[in-house]
């Protein structure tokens, strides 16, 4: 058993918290959605930044508790999508946690992510234990005992 699998066994399930996921790679999007759902998250997965904005604008305020955006989407990159979310005229536009996802973390990447108003980033391939730990901290969900998801 890998170290990551051992860490994942200790992760508690979530309670249906809503996540908006945007990734233009079909395989990545489907895999990430499946894993997040397996751990009890409710996931709306879209294939681009423009679709993510459409979903966000169409949602009720505070409906999404977490937004995960791939940086290198073809139609609208993750930084531009995050800026549009942060500039939306909604009460949740500043407070909703928005994170970047990228396989290409260059020196300037972190600065671009922060200037776009994101809360942080995760490198691909994900260490889901780190992603889930961050989500638990945001959602204030217990991180104690273990689960049956893996």
N, C-alpha and C. Protein backbone atom coordinates (compact mmCIF):
# COMPACT_ATOMS: atom_id res chain seq x y z
N UNK A 1 0.84 -1.17 0.00
CA UNK A 1 0.00 0.00 0.00
C UNK A 1 0.90 1.25 0.00
N UNK A 2 0.61 2.19 -0.88
CA UNK A 2 1.41 3.41 -0.96
C UNK A 2 1.13 4.33 0.22
N UNK A 3 2.03 5.27 0.44
CA UNK A 3 1.83 6.25 1.52
C UNK A 3 0.57 7.08 1.27
N UNK A 4 0.33 7.44 0.01
CA UNK A 4 -0.88 8.21 -0.30
C UNK A 4 -2.13 7.42 0.03
N UNK A 5 -2.15 6.13 -0.28
CA UNK A 5 -3.31 5.30 0.04
C UNK A 5 -3.51 5.22 1.55
N UNK A 6 -2.43 5.13 2.31
CA UNK A 6 -2.54 5.11 3.77
C UNK A 6 -3.14 6.41 4.29
N UNK A 7 -2.69 7.54 3.72
CA UNK A 7 -3.24 8.85 4.14
C UNK A 7 -4.72 8.95 3.77
N UNK A 8 -5.07 8.45 2.60
CA UNK A 8 -6.47 8.54 2.16
C UNK A 8 -7.40 7.70 3.04
N UNK A 9 -6.92 6.61 3.54
CA UNK A 9 -7.74 5.77 4.42
C UNK A 9 -8.14 6.51 5.69
N UNK A 10 -7.37 7.52 6.07
CA UNK A 10 -7.66 8.29 7.28
C UNK A 10 -8.58 9.49 7.03
N UNK A 11 -8.89 9.75 5.77
CA UNK A 11 -9.70 10.91 5.42
C UNK A 11 -11.18 10.60 5.65
N UNK A 12 -11.84 11.47 6.39
CA UNK A 12 -13.29 11.35 6.61
C UNK A 12 -14.05 11.76 5.35
N UNK A 13 -15.21 11.16 5.19
CA UNK A 13 -16.09 11.56 4.09
C UNK A 13 -16.58 12.98 4.31
N UNK A 14 -16.92 13.62 3.21
CA UNK A 14 -17.54 14.93 3.27
C UNK A 14 -19.05 14.74 3.37
N UNK A 15 -19.76 15.83 3.41
CA UNK A 15 -21.21 15.78 3.63
C UNK A 15 -21.98 16.47 2.52
N UNK A 16 -21.59 16.22 1.27
CA UNK A 16 -22.32 16.77 0.14
C UNK A 16 -21.96 18.21 -0.21
N UNK A 17 -20.85 18.72 0.30
CA UNK A 17 -20.45 20.07 -0.04
C UNK A 17 -20.30 20.21 -1.55
N UNK A 18 -20.68 21.38 -2.06
CA UNK A 18 -20.71 21.60 -3.51
C UNK A 18 -19.37 22.11 -4.02
N UNK A 19 -18.88 21.46 -5.07
CA UNK A 19 -17.62 21.81 -5.70
C UNK A 19 -17.87 22.07 -7.17
N UNK A 20 -17.28 23.15 -7.68
CA UNK A 20 -17.29 23.42 -9.11
C UNK A 20 -15.90 23.10 -9.64
N UNK A 21 -15.82 22.18 -10.57
CA UNK A 21 -14.57 21.72 -11.14
C UNK A 21 -14.53 22.06 -12.62
N UNK A 22 -13.45 22.71 -13.07
CA UNK A 22 -13.30 23.03 -14.49
C UNK A 22 -11.96 22.51 -14.98
N UNK A 23 -12.02 21.63 -15.98
CA UNK A 23 -10.82 21.07 -16.59
C UNK A 23 -11.18 20.68 -18.02
N UNK A 24 -10.40 21.12 -18.99
CA UNK A 24 -10.73 20.83 -20.38
C UNK A 24 -10.25 19.46 -20.86
N UNK A 25 -9.55 18.73 -20.01
CA UNK A 25 -9.13 17.37 -20.35
C UNK A 25 -10.20 16.40 -19.83
N UNK A 26 -10.88 15.73 -20.77
CA UNK A 26 -11.98 14.83 -20.40
C UNK A 26 -11.60 13.79 -19.37
N UNK A 27 -10.48 13.13 -19.60
CA UNK A 27 -10.05 12.06 -18.69
C UNK A 27 -9.77 12.61 -17.29
N UNK A 28 -9.03 13.70 -17.21
CA UNK A 28 -8.75 14.32 -15.90
C UNK A 28 -10.03 14.72 -15.20
N UNK A 29 -10.91 15.40 -15.94
CA UNK A 29 -12.15 15.90 -15.34
C UNK A 29 -13.00 14.75 -14.80
N UNK A 30 -13.14 13.70 -15.58
CA UNK A 30 -13.96 12.56 -15.14
C UNK A 30 -13.33 11.85 -13.95
N UNK A 31 -12.01 11.68 -13.97
CA UNK A 31 -11.33 11.00 -12.86
C UNK A 31 -11.42 11.81 -11.57
N UNK A 32 -11.15 13.11 -11.66
CA UNK A 32 -11.21 13.96 -10.46
C UNK A 32 -12.64 13.99 -9.92
N UNK A 33 -13.60 14.14 -10.81
CA UNK A 33 -15.01 14.16 -10.37
C UNK A 33 -15.37 12.87 -9.65
N UNK A 34 -14.98 11.75 -10.22
CA UNK A 34 -15.30 10.45 -9.63
C UNK A 34 -14.71 10.33 -8.22
N UNK A 35 -13.46 10.70 -8.06
CA UNK A 35 -12.81 10.59 -6.76
C UNK A 35 -13.45 11.54 -5.75
N UNK A 36 -13.71 12.77 -6.15
CA UNK A 36 -14.35 13.72 -5.22
C UNK A 36 -15.73 13.22 -4.80
N UNK A 37 -16.49 12.70 -5.74
CA UNK A 37 -17.81 12.17 -5.41
C UNK A 37 -17.72 10.96 -4.49
N UNK A 38 -16.72 10.15 -4.72
CA UNK A 38 -16.53 8.95 -3.88
C UNK A 38 -16.30 9.32 -2.42
N UNK A 39 -15.76 10.50 -2.18
CA UNK A 39 -15.52 10.97 -0.82
C UNK A 39 -16.64 11.86 -0.30
N UNK A 40 -17.77 11.87 -0.99
CA UNK A 40 -18.96 12.53 -0.46
C UNK A 40 -19.19 13.96 -0.89
N UNK A 41 -18.45 14.43 -1.88
CA UNK A 41 -18.65 15.78 -2.38
C UNK A 41 -19.63 15.78 -3.54
N UNK A 42 -20.38 16.84 -3.68
CA UNK A 42 -21.29 17.02 -4.81
C UNK A 42 -20.54 17.88 -5.84
N UNK A 43 -20.30 17.34 -7.03
CA UNK A 43 -19.41 17.97 -7.99
C UNK A 43 -20.13 18.33 -9.28
N UNK A 44 -20.02 19.60 -9.67
CA UNK A 44 -20.42 20.04 -10.99
C UNK A 44 -19.13 20.18 -11.79
N UNK A 45 -18.98 19.37 -12.82
CA UNK A 45 -17.75 19.37 -13.61
C UNK A 45 -18.04 19.92 -15.00
N UNK A 46 -17.21 20.88 -15.42
CA UNK A 46 -17.37 21.52 -16.72
C UNK A 46 -16.03 21.48 -17.46
N UNK A 47 -16.10 21.71 -18.77
CA UNK A 47 -14.91 21.53 -19.60
C UNK A 47 -14.17 22.82 -19.94
N UNK A 48 -14.52 23.93 -19.30
CA UNK A 48 -13.80 25.15 -19.61
C UNK A 48 -14.15 26.29 -18.67
N UNK A 49 -13.36 27.34 -18.75
CA UNK A 49 -13.56 28.50 -17.91
C UNK A 49 -14.87 29.21 -18.15
N UNK A 50 -15.25 29.33 -19.42
CA UNK A 50 -16.53 30.00 -19.74
C UNK A 50 -17.71 29.23 -19.16
N UNK A 51 -17.67 27.90 -19.27
CA UNK A 51 -18.73 27.08 -18.67
C UNK A 51 -18.73 27.21 -17.16
N UNK A 52 -17.55 27.30 -16.56
CA UNK A 52 -17.47 27.46 -15.11
C UNK A 52 -18.14 28.77 -14.69
N UNK A 53 -17.86 29.83 -15.43
CA UNK A 53 -18.50 31.12 -15.12
C UNK A 53 -20.01 31.04 -15.28
N UNK A 54 -20.48 30.39 -16.34
CA UNK A 54 -21.92 30.24 -16.56
C UNK A 54 -22.56 29.51 -15.38
N UNK A 55 -21.93 28.41 -14.93
CA UNK A 55 -22.47 27.66 -13.80
C UNK A 55 -22.46 28.50 -12.53
N UNK A 56 -21.35 29.21 -12.32
CA UNK A 56 -21.24 30.04 -11.13
C UNK A 56 -22.32 31.13 -11.14
N UNK A 57 -22.47 31.85 -12.25
CA UNK A 57 -23.47 32.92 -12.34
C UNK A 57 -24.89 32.39 -12.19
N UNK A 58 -25.13 31.16 -12.67
CA UNK A 58 -26.47 30.57 -12.60
C UNK A 58 -26.78 29.98 -11.22
N UNK A 59 -25.76 29.80 -10.40
CA UNK A 59 -25.96 29.18 -9.09
C UNK A 59 -26.46 30.20 -8.07
N UNK A 60 -27.03 29.69 -7.02
CA UNK A 60 -27.41 30.55 -5.90
C UNK A 60 -26.15 31.02 -5.18
N UNK A 61 -26.22 32.18 -4.56
CA UNK A 61 -25.06 32.65 -3.80
C UNK A 61 -24.73 31.62 -2.72
N UNK A 62 -23.47 31.38 -2.53
CA UNK A 62 -22.93 30.43 -1.54
C UNK A 62 -23.25 28.97 -1.87
N UNK A 63 -23.75 28.69 -3.06
CA UNK A 63 -24.04 27.31 -3.44
C UNK A 63 -22.76 26.49 -3.54
N UNK A 64 -21.71 27.08 -4.11
CA UNK A 64 -20.44 26.38 -4.22
C UNK A 64 -19.57 26.73 -3.02
N UNK A 65 -19.04 25.69 -2.39
CA UNK A 65 -18.15 25.89 -1.25
C UNK A 65 -16.68 25.79 -1.65
N UNK A 66 -16.41 25.38 -2.90
CA UNK A 66 -15.03 25.20 -3.35
C UNK A 66 -15.04 25.19 -4.87
N UNK A 67 -14.08 25.90 -5.47
CA UNK A 67 -13.95 25.93 -6.92
C UNK A 67 -12.52 25.54 -7.27
N UNK A 68 -12.39 24.56 -8.16
CA UNK A 68 -11.08 24.07 -8.59
C UNK A 68 -10.97 24.26 -10.10
N UNK A 69 -10.01 25.10 -10.52
CA UNK A 69 -9.88 25.47 -11.92
C UNK A 69 -8.54 25.03 -12.49
N UNK A 70 -8.57 24.30 -13.60
CA UNK A 70 -7.34 24.02 -14.32
C UNK A 70 -6.84 25.35 -14.87
N UNK A 71 -5.55 25.54 -14.84
CA UNK A 71 -4.98 26.80 -15.31
C UNK A 71 -4.97 26.90 -16.83
N UNK A 72 -4.69 25.81 -17.51
CA UNK A 72 -4.44 25.85 -18.96
C UNK A 72 -5.62 25.39 -19.78
N UNK A 73 -6.79 25.96 -19.54
CA UNK A 73 -7.96 25.61 -20.36
C UNK A 73 -7.94 26.43 -21.64
N UNK A 74 -8.46 25.84 -22.71
CA UNK A 74 -8.38 26.46 -24.03
C UNK A 74 -9.27 27.69 -24.19
N UNK A 75 -10.49 27.62 -23.68
CA UNK A 75 -11.43 28.72 -23.94
C UNK A 75 -11.18 29.94 -23.06
N UNK A 76 -10.85 29.71 -21.81
CA UNK A 76 -10.60 30.77 -20.84
C UNK A 76 -9.76 30.17 -19.73
N UNK A 77 -8.57 30.68 -19.52
CA UNK A 77 -7.69 30.04 -18.54
C UNK A 77 -8.19 30.23 -17.11
N UNK A 78 -7.64 29.46 -16.21
CA UNK A 78 -8.09 29.48 -14.82
C UNK A 78 -7.92 30.82 -14.13
N UNK A 79 -6.84 31.54 -14.43
CA UNK A 79 -6.63 32.85 -13.81
C UNK A 79 -7.69 33.85 -14.25
N UNK A 80 -8.02 33.86 -15.54
CA UNK A 80 -9.05 34.77 -16.04
C UNK A 80 -10.42 34.40 -15.46
N UNK A 81 -10.67 33.10 -15.33
CA UNK A 81 -11.92 32.64 -14.74
C UNK A 81 -12.02 33.09 -13.28
N UNK A 82 -10.93 32.93 -12.54
CA UNK A 82 -10.92 33.34 -11.14
C UNK A 82 -11.13 34.85 -11.01
N UNK A 83 -10.48 35.63 -11.86
CA UNK A 83 -10.66 37.09 -11.81
C UNK A 83 -12.14 37.45 -12.04
N UNK A 84 -12.77 36.79 -13.00
CA UNK A 84 -14.18 37.07 -13.28
C UNK A 84 -15.06 36.70 -12.09
N UNK A 85 -14.75 35.59 -11.44
CA UNK A 85 -15.51 35.20 -10.24
C UNK A 85 -15.32 36.25 -9.15
N UNK A 86 -14.10 36.65 -8.91
CA UNK A 86 -13.81 37.64 -7.86
C UNK A 86 -14.45 39.00 -8.15
N UNK A 87 -14.64 39.32 -9.43
CA UNK A 87 -15.24 40.60 -9.80
C UNK A 87 -16.75 40.53 -9.99
N UNK A 88 -17.34 39.37 -9.77
CA UNK A 88 -18.79 39.23 -9.92
C UNK A 88 -19.48 40.06 -8.84
N UNK A 89 -20.63 40.55 -9.16
CA UNK A 89 -21.40 41.35 -8.21
C UNK A 89 -22.30 40.44 -7.40
N UNK A 90 -21.65 39.63 -6.56
CA UNK A 90 -22.35 38.67 -5.70
C UNK A 90 -21.70 38.71 -4.32
N UNK A 91 -22.48 38.38 -3.32
CA UNK A 91 -21.95 38.39 -1.95
C UNK A 91 -20.89 37.32 -1.72
N UNK A 92 -20.93 36.22 -2.48
CA UNK A 92 -19.97 35.13 -2.28
C UNK A 92 -18.74 35.22 -3.17
N UNK A 93 -18.66 36.23 -4.02
CA UNK A 93 -17.58 36.28 -5.01
C UNK A 93 -16.19 36.44 -4.39
N UNK A 94 -16.10 37.06 -3.26
CA UNK A 94 -14.82 37.25 -2.60
C UNK A 94 -14.50 36.09 -1.66
N UNK A 95 -15.53 35.51 -1.06
CA UNK A 95 -15.29 34.51 -0.02
C UNK A 95 -15.17 33.07 -0.51
N UNK A 96 -15.74 32.74 -1.67
CA UNK A 96 -15.68 31.35 -2.13
C UNK A 96 -14.23 30.95 -2.38
N UNK A 97 -13.80 29.83 -1.82
CA UNK A 97 -12.42 29.38 -2.05
C UNK A 97 -12.23 28.95 -3.51
N UNK A 98 -11.24 29.55 -4.17
CA UNK A 98 -10.92 29.23 -5.56
C UNK A 98 -9.47 28.78 -5.62
N UNK A 99 -9.25 27.59 -6.13
CA UNK A 99 -7.90 27.02 -6.22
C UNK A 99 -7.58 26.66 -7.66
N UNK A 100 -6.31 26.78 -7.99
CA UNK A 100 -5.80 26.43 -9.30
C UNK A 100 -5.29 24.99 -9.28
N UNK A 101 -5.29 24.38 -10.46
CA UNK A 101 -4.70 23.06 -10.65
C UNK A 101 -3.85 23.11 -11.91
N UNK A 102 -2.62 22.64 -11.78
CA UNK A 102 -1.74 22.67 -12.94
C UNK A 102 -0.63 21.65 -12.82
N UNK A 103 -0.26 21.08 -13.95
CA UNK A 103 0.89 20.18 -14.00
C UNK A 103 2.17 20.96 -14.24
N UNK A 104 2.04 22.21 -14.63
CA UNK A 104 3.19 23.02 -15.01
C UNK A 104 3.36 24.17 -14.02
N UNK A 105 4.06 23.92 -12.95
CA UNK A 105 4.25 24.94 -11.93
C UNK A 105 5.62 25.58 -12.15
N UNK A 106 5.59 26.74 -12.78
CA UNK A 106 6.80 27.50 -13.02
C UNK A 106 6.93 28.58 -11.95
N UNK A 107 8.07 29.26 -11.92
CA UNK A 107 8.33 30.25 -10.88
C UNK A 107 7.26 31.32 -10.79
N UNK A 108 6.81 31.82 -11.92
CA UNK A 108 5.84 32.91 -11.92
C UNK A 108 4.41 32.43 -11.64
N UNK A 109 4.19 31.13 -11.66
CA UNK A 109 2.85 30.57 -11.53
C UNK A 109 2.16 31.02 -10.24
N UNK A 110 2.84 30.88 -9.13
CA UNK A 110 2.22 31.22 -7.84
C UNK A 110 1.81 32.69 -7.81
N UNK A 111 2.64 33.57 -8.33
CA UNK A 111 2.31 35.00 -8.35
C UNK A 111 1.09 35.26 -9.23
N UNK A 112 1.01 34.60 -10.37
CA UNK A 112 -0.16 34.76 -11.25
C UNK A 112 -1.43 34.30 -10.56
N UNK A 113 -1.34 33.17 -9.87
CA UNK A 113 -2.49 32.62 -9.16
C UNK A 113 -2.96 33.59 -8.07
N UNK A 114 -2.02 34.15 -7.32
CA UNK A 114 -2.39 35.08 -6.25
C UNK A 114 -2.95 36.39 -6.82
N UNK A 115 -2.37 36.88 -7.89
CA UNK A 115 -2.88 38.12 -8.52
C UNK A 115 -4.29 37.91 -9.07
N UNK A 116 -4.61 36.70 -9.45
CA UNK A 116 -5.95 36.40 -9.97
C UNK A 116 -6.98 36.28 -8.86
N UNK A 117 -6.53 36.33 -7.61
CA UNK A 117 -7.46 36.25 -6.47
C UNK A 117 -7.73 34.84 -5.99
N UNK A 118 -6.91 33.89 -6.42
CA UNK A 118 -7.10 32.51 -5.96
C UNK A 118 -6.52 32.34 -4.56
N UNK A 119 -7.01 31.31 -3.90
CA UNK A 119 -6.56 31.02 -2.54
C UNK A 119 -5.31 30.15 -2.50
N UNK A 120 -4.97 29.50 -3.61
CA UNK A 120 -3.81 28.63 -3.67
C UNK A 120 -3.88 27.74 -4.89
N UNK A 121 -3.03 26.72 -4.90
CA UNK A 121 -3.02 25.82 -6.05
C UNK A 121 -2.60 24.42 -5.62
N UNK A 122 -2.94 23.48 -6.48
CA UNK A 122 -2.55 22.08 -6.32
C UNK A 122 -1.86 21.64 -7.59
N UNK A 123 -0.73 20.94 -7.42
CA UNK A 123 -0.02 20.40 -8.57
C UNK A 123 -0.67 19.11 -9.02
N UNK A 124 -0.69 18.93 -10.34
CA UNK A 124 -1.13 17.66 -10.92
C UNK A 124 0.10 16.82 -11.17
N UNK A 125 0.03 15.54 -10.99
CA UNK A 125 -1.12 14.81 -10.48
C UNK A 125 -1.35 15.12 -9.00
N UNK A 126 -2.62 15.14 -8.63
CA UNK A 126 -3.00 15.49 -7.27
C UNK A 126 -2.52 14.46 -6.26
N UNK A 127 -2.16 14.95 -5.11
CA UNK A 127 -2.14 14.13 -3.92
C UNK A 127 -3.49 14.41 -3.27
N UNK A 128 -4.43 13.50 -3.45
CA UNK A 128 -5.79 13.75 -2.98
C UNK A 128 -5.85 13.95 -1.48
N UNK A 129 -4.93 13.34 -0.75
CA UNK A 129 -4.92 13.55 0.69
C UNK A 129 -4.69 15.02 1.02
N UNK A 130 -3.83 15.71 0.26
CA UNK A 130 -3.58 17.14 0.48
C UNK A 130 -4.80 17.97 0.07
N UNK A 131 -5.39 17.64 -1.07
CA UNK A 131 -6.58 18.35 -1.51
C UNK A 131 -7.71 18.19 -0.49
N UNK A 132 -7.94 16.96 -0.04
CA UNK A 132 -9.00 16.72 0.93
C UNK A 132 -8.72 17.38 2.27
N UNK A 133 -7.46 17.39 2.69
CA UNK A 133 -7.11 18.05 3.95
C UNK A 133 -7.44 19.54 3.87
N UNK A 134 -7.11 20.16 2.75
CA UNK A 134 -7.42 21.58 2.56
C UNK A 134 -8.93 21.81 2.58
N UNK A 135 -9.65 20.93 1.90
CA UNK A 135 -11.11 21.05 1.89
C UNK A 135 -11.69 20.87 3.29
N UNK A 136 -11.18 19.91 4.04
CA UNK A 136 -11.64 19.71 5.41
C UNK A 136 -11.42 20.97 6.24
N UNK A 137 -10.29 21.60 6.09
CA UNK A 137 -10.02 22.83 6.83
C UNK A 137 -11.00 23.92 6.45
N UNK A 138 -11.30 24.03 5.18
CA UNK A 138 -12.24 25.05 4.70
C UNK A 138 -13.65 24.77 5.18
N UNK A 139 -14.06 23.51 5.10
CA UNK A 139 -15.43 23.13 5.46
C UNK A 139 -15.60 22.86 6.95
N UNK A 140 -14.50 22.84 7.69
CA UNK A 140 -14.54 22.53 9.13
C UNK A 140 -15.15 21.16 9.40
N UNK A 141 -14.74 20.19 8.57
CA UNK A 141 -15.23 18.82 8.72
C UNK A 141 -14.20 18.06 9.56
N UNK A 142 -14.67 17.15 10.38
CA UNK A 142 -13.76 16.34 11.19
C UNK A 142 -12.79 15.59 10.29
N UNK A 143 -11.53 15.48 10.73
CA UNK A 143 -10.53 14.74 9.95
C UNK A 143 -10.02 13.54 10.73
N UNK A 144 -10.77 13.06 11.64
CA UNK A 144 -10.33 11.98 12.51
C UNK A 144 -10.22 10.61 11.90
N UNK A 145 -11.14 9.75 12.17
CA UNK A 145 -11.06 8.32 12.05
C UNK A 145 -10.85 7.59 10.78
N UNK A 146 -11.24 7.81 9.69
CA UNK A 146 -11.04 6.90 8.57
C UNK A 146 -12.34 6.74 7.82
N UNK A 147 -12.30 6.08 6.69
CA UNK A 147 -13.52 5.93 5.91
C UNK A 147 -13.51 4.63 5.15
N UNK A 148 -14.57 4.45 4.40
CA UNK A 148 -14.71 3.24 3.59
C UNK A 148 -14.68 3.55 2.11
N UNK A 149 -14.19 4.72 1.73
CA UNK A 149 -14.26 5.13 0.33
C UNK A 149 -13.23 4.48 -0.55
N UNK A 150 -12.08 4.10 -0.02
CA UNK A 150 -11.00 3.60 -0.86
C UNK A 150 -11.16 2.11 -1.09
